[in-house]
Amino acid sequence: MKYFGDNNLLCYLAVSRKYKLNMTKHILIVDDHPEIRDCLESYLKQHAFKINQADGGEKMRSVLVA
């Protein structure tokens, strides 16, 4: 898991291992602000990433386990 952030924005991006087989770049965006998640998702989809979102740690864990 990689961590990106500054004083006002904390965003966790996790690359799912299970998608490496088909070479699709898959990113999980975790942030409690939906507008930040949506903005990042919009940008990353333009660059051919598969995106999932989570609004916190509990949701993040459930997405990563699935």
C-alpha atoms as a PDB file:
ATOM      1  CA  MET A   1       0.000   0.000   0.000  1.00  0.00           C
ATOM      2  CA  LYS A   2       1.302   3.432  -0.858  1.00  0.00           C
ATOM      3  CA  TYR A   3       0.509   6.599   1.083  1.00  0.00           C
ATOM      4  CA  PHE A   4       0.131   9.987  -0.534  1.00  0.00           C
ATOM      5  CA  GLY A   5      -0.812  13.085   1.427  1.00  0.00           C
ATOM      6  CA  ASP A   6      -0.236  16.633   2.569  1.00  0.00           C
ATOM      7  CA  ASN A   7      -1.522  18.692   5.499  1.00  0.00           C
ATOM      8  CA  ASN A   8      -5.090  18.843   4.190  1.00  0.00           C
ATOM      9  CA  LEU A   9      -5.444  15.676   2.177  1.00  0.00           C
ATOM     10  CA  LEU A  10      -4.760  12.094   3.109  1.00  0.00           C
ATOM     11  CA  CYS A  11      -5.344   9.594   0.400  1.00  0.00           C
ATOM     12  CA  TYR A  12      -4.495   5.927   0.497  1.00  0.00           C
ATOM     13  CA  LEU A  13      -4.011   4.207  -2.817  1.00  0.00           C
ATOM     14  CA  ALA A  14      -3.714   0.457  -2.844  1.00  0.00           C
ATOM     15  CA  VAL A  15      -2.881  -1.509  -5.927  1.00  0.00           C
ATOM     16  CA  SER A  16      -4.653  -4.847  -5.906  1.00  0.00           C
ATOM     17  CA  ARG A  17      -2.379  -7.804  -6.650  1.00  0.00           C
ATOM     18  CA  LYS A  18      -5.101  -9.926  -8.187  1.00  0.00           C
ATOM     19  CA  TYR A  19      -5.362  -7.605 -11.203  1.00  0.00           C
ATOM     20  CA  LYS A  20      -1.700  -7.900 -12.196  1.00  0.00           C
ATOM     21  CA  LEU A  21      -2.403 -11.057 -14.175  1.00  0.00           C
ATOM     22  CA  ASN A  22      -4.462  -9.223 -16.780  1.00  0.00           C
ATOM     23  CA  MET A  23      -2.264  -6.109 -16.533  1.00  0.00           C
ATOM     24  CA  THR A  24      -5.169  -3.826 -15.582  1.00  0.00           C
ATOM     25  CA  LYS A  25      -3.986  -1.088 -13.245  1.00  0.00           C
ATOM     26  CA  HIS A  26      -6.372  -1.124 -10.284  1.00  0.00           C
ATOM     27  CA  ILE A  27      -6.413   1.559  -7.599  1.00  0.00           C
ATOM     28  CA  LEU A  28      -8.435   1.790  -4.408  1.00  0.00           C
ATOM     29  CA  ILE A  29      -9.068   5.383  -3.355  1.00  0.00           C
ATOM     30  CA  VAL A  30      -9.747   5.818   0.373  1.00  0.00           C
ATOM     31  CA  ASP A  31     -10.826   9.180   1.753  1.00  0.00           C
ATOM     32  CA  ASP A  32     -13.712  10.386   3.898  1.00  0.00           C
ATOM     33  CA  HIS A  33     -14.528  13.232   1.461  1.00  0.00           C
ATOM     34  CA  PRO A  34     -16.607  12.000  -1.501  1.00  0.00           C
ATOM     35  CA  GLU A  35     -15.689  15.027  -3.643  1.00  0.00           C
ATOM     36  CA  ILE A  36     -11.984  14.170  -3.322  1.00  0.00           C
ATOM     37  CA  ARG A  37     -12.597  10.506  -4.166  1.00  0.00           C
ATOM     38  CA  ASP A  38     -14.731  11.437  -7.168  1.00  0.00           C
ATOM     39  CA  CYS A  39     -12.175  13.940  -8.461  1.00  0.00           C
ATOM     40  CA  LEU A  40      -9.341  11.398  -8.198  1.00  0.00           C
ATOM     41  CA  GLU A  41     -11.481   8.690  -9.790  1.00  0.00           C
ATOM     42  CA  SER A  42     -12.364  10.923 -12.736  1.00  0.00           C
ATOM     43  CA  TYR A  43      -8.714  11.803 -13.346  1.00  0.00           C
ATOM     44  CA  LEU A  44      -7.392   8.253 -12.971  1.00  0.00           C
ATOM     45  CA  LYS A  45     -10.070   6.725 -15.226  1.00  0.00           C
ATOM     46  CA  GLN A  46      -8.859   9.048 -18.003  1.00  0.00           C
ATOM     47  CA  HIS A  47      -5.509   7.278 -17.658  1.00  0.00           C
ATOM     48  CA  ALA A  48      -6.903   3.738 -17.969  1.00  0.00           C
ATOM     49  CA  PHE A  49      -7.022   2.785 -14.293  1.00  0.00           C
ATOM     50  CA  LYS A  50      -9.736   0.586 -12.805  1.00  0.00           C
ATOM     51  CA  ILE A  51     -10.982   2.382  -9.685  1.00  0.00           C
ATOM     52  CA  ASN A  52     -12.716   1.377  -6.471  1.00  0.00           C
ATOM     53  CA  GLN A  53     -13.580   3.798  -3.683  1.00  0.00           C
ATOM     54  CA  ALA A  54     -13.855   3.457   0.077  1.00  0.00           C
ATOM     55  CA  ASP A  55     -14.852   6.065   2.656  1.00  0.00           C
ATOM     56  CA  GLY A  56     -12.751   4.661   5.483  1.00  0.00           C
ATOM     57  CA  GLY A  57     -10.638   1.840   6.829  1.00  0.00           C
ATOM     58  CA  GLU A  58     -13.444  -0.656   7.375  1.00  0.00           C
ATOM     59  CA  LYS A  59     -14.728  -0.320   3.806  1.00  0.00           C
ATOM     60  CA  MET A  60     -11.133  -0.430   2.516  1.00  0.00           C
ATOM     61  CA  ARG A  61     -10.516  -3.773   4.224  1.00  0.00           C
ATOM     62  CA  SER A  62     -13.730  -5.262   2.803  1.00  0.00           C
ATOM     63  CA  VAL A  63     -12.801  -4.156  -0.720  1.00  0.00           C
ATOM     64  CA  LEU A  64      -9.267  -5.538  -0.430  1.00  0.00           C
ATOM     65  CA  VAL A  65     -10.519  -8.908   0.860  1.00  0.00           C
ATOM     66  CA  ALA A  66     -13.061  -9.278  -1.971  1.00  0.00           C
END
